[in-house]
N, C-alpha and C. Protein backbone atom coordinates (compact mmCIF):
# COMPACT_ATOMS: atom_id res chain seq x y z
N MET A 1 -70.42 -40.20 -10.07
CA MET A 1 -70.99 -38.92 -9.75
C MET A 1 -71.88 -38.48 -10.93
N TYR A 2 -73.01 -37.91 -10.60
CA TYR A 2 -73.88 -37.36 -11.64
C TYR A 2 -73.32 -36.01 -12.08
N VAL A 3 -73.20 -35.84 -13.37
CA VAL A 3 -72.74 -34.58 -13.95
C VAL A 3 -73.95 -33.78 -14.40
N CYS A 4 -74.87 -34.44 -15.09
CA CYS A 4 -76.09 -33.80 -15.58
C CYS A 4 -77.28 -34.45 -14.88
N VAL A 5 -77.87 -33.72 -13.97
CA VAL A 5 -79.00 -34.25 -13.22
C VAL A 5 -80.25 -34.31 -14.10
N CYS A 6 -80.41 -33.34 -14.97
CA CYS A 6 -81.59 -33.29 -15.84
C CYS A 6 -81.74 -34.56 -16.69
N ASN A 7 -80.61 -35.07 -17.17
CA ASN A 7 -80.64 -36.24 -18.04
C ASN A 7 -79.96 -37.46 -17.43
N ALA A 8 -79.69 -37.39 -16.13
CA ALA A 8 -79.09 -38.50 -15.38
C ALA A 8 -77.82 -39.04 -16.04
N VAL A 9 -76.92 -38.13 -16.40
CA VAL A 9 -75.66 -38.52 -17.04
C VAL A 9 -74.56 -38.51 -15.98
N THR A 10 -73.81 -39.60 -15.94
CA THR A 10 -72.75 -39.73 -14.95
C THR A 10 -71.38 -39.46 -15.56
N GLU A 11 -70.43 -39.26 -14.67
CA GLU A 11 -69.03 -39.08 -15.08
C GLU A 11 -68.55 -40.33 -15.84
N ARG A 12 -68.95 -41.47 -15.38
CA ARG A 12 -68.57 -42.73 -16.04
C ARG A 12 -69.08 -42.78 -17.48
N GLN A 13 -70.31 -42.30 -17.70
CA GLN A 13 -70.86 -42.28 -19.07
C GLN A 13 -70.07 -41.33 -19.97
N ILE A 14 -69.61 -40.22 -19.41
CA ILE A 14 -68.81 -39.28 -20.19
C ILE A 14 -67.49 -39.91 -20.57
N HIS A 15 -66.85 -40.60 -19.62
CA HIS A 15 -65.59 -41.28 -19.92
C HIS A 15 -65.80 -42.34 -21.00
N GLN A 16 -66.92 -43.05 -20.94
CA GLN A 16 -67.21 -44.06 -21.96
C GLN A 16 -67.45 -43.41 -23.32
N ALA A 17 -68.12 -42.27 -23.32
CA ALA A 17 -68.38 -41.55 -24.58
C ALA A 17 -67.06 -41.12 -25.22
N VAL A 18 -66.10 -40.71 -24.40
CA VAL A 18 -64.78 -40.33 -24.93
C VAL A 18 -64.10 -41.55 -25.52
N LYS A 19 -64.19 -42.68 -24.85
CA LYS A 19 -63.62 -43.92 -25.40
C LYS A 19 -64.26 -44.26 -26.74
N ASN A 20 -65.52 -43.89 -26.90
CA ASN A 20 -66.25 -44.17 -28.14
C ASN A 20 -66.09 -43.07 -29.19
N GLY A 21 -65.25 -42.06 -28.88
CA GLY A 21 -64.95 -41.05 -29.88
C GLY A 21 -65.41 -39.63 -29.61
N ALA A 22 -66.12 -39.37 -28.53
CA ALA A 22 -66.55 -38.00 -28.24
C ALA A 22 -65.33 -37.12 -27.99
N LYS A 23 -65.33 -35.94 -28.61
CA LYS A 23 -64.19 -35.04 -28.48
C LYS A 23 -64.57 -33.68 -27.92
N THR A 24 -65.84 -33.32 -28.00
CA THR A 24 -66.27 -31.99 -27.57
C THR A 24 -67.52 -32.11 -26.70
N VAL A 25 -67.86 -30.99 -26.05
CA VAL A 25 -69.09 -30.96 -25.25
C VAL A 25 -70.29 -31.12 -26.17
N LYS A 26 -70.20 -30.61 -27.39
CA LYS A 26 -71.29 -30.80 -28.36
C LYS A 26 -71.51 -32.28 -28.63
N HIS A 27 -70.42 -33.04 -28.76
CA HIS A 27 -70.56 -34.49 -28.94
C HIS A 27 -71.29 -35.10 -27.74
N LEU A 28 -70.93 -34.65 -26.53
CA LEU A 28 -71.59 -35.17 -25.33
C LEU A 28 -73.08 -34.82 -25.33
N LYS A 29 -73.38 -33.62 -25.79
CA LYS A 29 -74.78 -33.20 -25.87
C LYS A 29 -75.54 -34.08 -26.85
N ASP A 30 -74.94 -34.32 -28.01
CA ASP A 30 -75.59 -35.14 -29.03
C ASP A 30 -75.76 -36.59 -28.58
N GLN A 31 -74.73 -37.13 -27.93
CA GLN A 31 -74.75 -38.54 -27.54
C GLN A 31 -75.49 -38.81 -26.24
N LEU A 32 -75.34 -37.89 -25.26
CA LEU A 32 -75.87 -38.17 -23.92
C LEU A 32 -76.92 -37.18 -23.44
N GLY A 33 -77.05 -36.06 -24.12
CA GLY A 33 -78.01 -35.05 -23.68
C GLY A 33 -77.45 -34.09 -22.65
N VAL A 34 -76.14 -34.11 -22.44
CA VAL A 34 -75.51 -33.22 -21.46
C VAL A 34 -75.72 -31.77 -21.88
N GLY A 35 -76.23 -30.96 -20.97
CA GLY A 35 -76.43 -29.54 -21.23
C GLY A 35 -77.63 -29.21 -22.09
N ALA A 36 -78.43 -30.18 -22.45
CA ALA A 36 -79.57 -29.94 -23.33
C ALA A 36 -80.76 -29.28 -22.62
N GLU A 37 -80.81 -29.42 -21.32
CA GLU A 37 -81.94 -28.84 -20.59
C GLU A 37 -81.55 -27.49 -19.98
N CYS A 38 -81.10 -27.49 -18.73
CA CYS A 38 -80.83 -26.23 -18.04
C CYS A 38 -79.43 -25.67 -18.33
N GLY A 39 -78.49 -26.53 -18.70
CA GLY A 39 -77.14 -26.08 -19.04
C GLY A 39 -76.19 -25.87 -17.88
N LYS A 40 -76.66 -26.08 -16.65
CA LYS A 40 -75.80 -25.86 -15.49
C LYS A 40 -74.66 -26.85 -15.39
N CYS A 41 -74.74 -27.95 -16.10
CA CYS A 41 -73.72 -29.00 -16.03
C CYS A 41 -72.58 -28.80 -17.02
N ALA A 42 -72.68 -27.82 -17.89
CA ALA A 42 -71.72 -27.67 -18.99
C ALA A 42 -70.29 -27.56 -18.51
N SER A 43 -70.02 -26.76 -17.49
CA SER A 43 -68.64 -26.60 -17.03
C SER A 43 -68.11 -27.88 -16.41
N CYS A 44 -68.94 -28.59 -15.66
CA CYS A 44 -68.52 -29.86 -15.07
C CYS A 44 -68.32 -30.91 -16.17
N ALA A 45 -69.19 -30.92 -17.16
CA ALA A 45 -69.05 -31.86 -18.27
C ALA A 45 -67.76 -31.60 -19.04
N LYS A 46 -67.43 -30.34 -19.22
CA LYS A 46 -66.20 -29.98 -19.92
C LYS A 46 -64.98 -30.46 -19.13
N ALA A 47 -65.01 -30.30 -17.81
CA ALA A 47 -63.91 -30.76 -16.97
C ALA A 47 -63.78 -32.29 -17.05
N CYS A 48 -64.89 -32.99 -17.02
CA CYS A 48 -64.87 -34.46 -17.13
C CYS A 48 -64.34 -34.88 -18.50
N LEU A 49 -64.72 -34.15 -19.53
CA LEU A 49 -64.26 -34.43 -20.88
C LEU A 49 -62.74 -34.29 -20.96
N LYS A 50 -62.21 -33.20 -20.40
CA LYS A 50 -60.76 -32.98 -20.39
C LYS A 50 -60.05 -34.08 -19.62
N GLU A 51 -60.61 -34.46 -18.48
CA GLU A 51 -60.03 -35.52 -17.66
C GLU A 51 -60.01 -36.85 -18.43
N ALA A 52 -61.09 -37.16 -19.09
CA ALA A 52 -61.18 -38.40 -19.86
C ALA A 52 -60.18 -38.41 -21.01
N HIS A 53 -60.03 -37.26 -21.68
CA HIS A 53 -59.05 -37.17 -22.77
C HIS A 53 -57.63 -37.33 -22.22
N ALA A 54 -57.37 -36.76 -21.06
CA ALA A 54 -56.04 -36.89 -20.44
C ALA A 54 -55.73 -38.34 -20.12
N GLU A 55 -56.73 -39.08 -19.66
CA GLU A 55 -56.54 -40.49 -19.36
C GLU A 55 -56.32 -41.31 -20.63
N GLN A 56 -57.02 -40.95 -21.69
CA GLN A 56 -56.91 -41.67 -22.96
C GLN A 56 -55.60 -41.39 -23.68
N HIS A 57 -55.10 -40.14 -23.55
CA HIS A 57 -53.93 -39.71 -24.30
C HIS A 57 -52.96 -38.96 -23.39
N PRO A 58 -52.37 -39.62 -22.40
CA PRO A 58 -51.51 -38.92 -21.43
C PRO A 58 -50.30 -38.25 -22.07
N GLY A 59 -49.70 -38.83 -23.07
CA GLY A 59 -48.55 -38.23 -23.73
C GLY A 59 -48.90 -36.96 -24.47
N LEU A 60 -50.07 -36.94 -25.09
CA LEU A 60 -50.51 -35.77 -25.84
C LEU A 60 -50.73 -34.59 -24.90
N VAL A 61 -51.36 -34.82 -23.77
CA VAL A 61 -51.62 -33.74 -22.81
C VAL A 61 -50.29 -33.17 -22.32
N LYS A 62 -49.35 -34.03 -21.99
CA LYS A 62 -48.04 -33.58 -21.54
C LYS A 62 -47.37 -32.74 -22.62
N LYS A 63 -47.47 -33.16 -23.88
CA LYS A 63 -46.87 -32.44 -24.99
C LYS A 63 -47.53 -31.08 -25.17
N LEU A 64 -48.86 -31.00 -25.06
CA LEU A 64 -49.57 -29.73 -25.21
C LEU A 64 -49.18 -28.74 -24.13
N ILE A 65 -48.94 -29.23 -22.92
CA ILE A 65 -48.54 -28.36 -21.82
C ILE A 65 -47.18 -27.73 -22.12
N GLN A 66 -46.31 -28.44 -22.82
CA GLN A 66 -44.97 -27.97 -23.11
C GLN A 66 -44.92 -26.99 -24.27
N LEU A 67 -45.96 -26.93 -25.09
CA LEU A 67 -45.97 -26.03 -26.24
C LEU A 67 -46.15 -24.58 -25.82
N THR A 68 -45.54 -23.67 -26.55
CA THR A 68 -45.71 -22.27 -26.27
C THR A 68 -47.00 -21.77 -26.93
N PRO A 69 -47.51 -20.60 -26.51
CA PRO A 69 -48.73 -20.07 -27.14
C PRO A 69 -48.59 -19.92 -28.66
N VAL A 70 -47.41 -19.55 -29.16
CA VAL A 70 -47.21 -19.39 -30.60
C VAL A 70 -47.37 -20.73 -31.30
N GLN A 71 -46.84 -21.81 -30.68
CA GLN A 71 -46.96 -23.12 -31.28
C GLN A 71 -48.40 -23.61 -31.30
N LEU A 72 -49.21 -23.10 -30.38
CA LEU A 72 -50.62 -23.50 -30.32
C LEU A 72 -51.49 -22.65 -31.22
N GLY A 73 -50.92 -21.64 -31.88
CA GLY A 73 -51.68 -20.82 -32.80
C GLY A 73 -52.11 -19.48 -32.25
N ALA A 74 -51.74 -19.17 -31.01
CA ALA A 74 -52.07 -17.85 -30.44
C ALA A 74 -51.01 -16.86 -30.89
N ALA A 75 -51.44 -15.64 -31.11
CA ALA A 75 -50.46 -14.63 -31.56
C ALA A 75 -50.25 -13.57 -30.54
């Protein structure tokens, strides 16, 4: 699926970027050009980024879900 039509970036490319070390939407912008033009893809790119991180680190995501807001730094 195309995530960024302006720069022809696909969901698969985002998943590959995460495998190569991308951690934030800014990394995706720097590496792939996501959100560099109109910006309408930013929310979809962020969702794909989260999905890719969940696939890469399933135990970490499960652990983060179990943490309370105080443990995550919220007051």
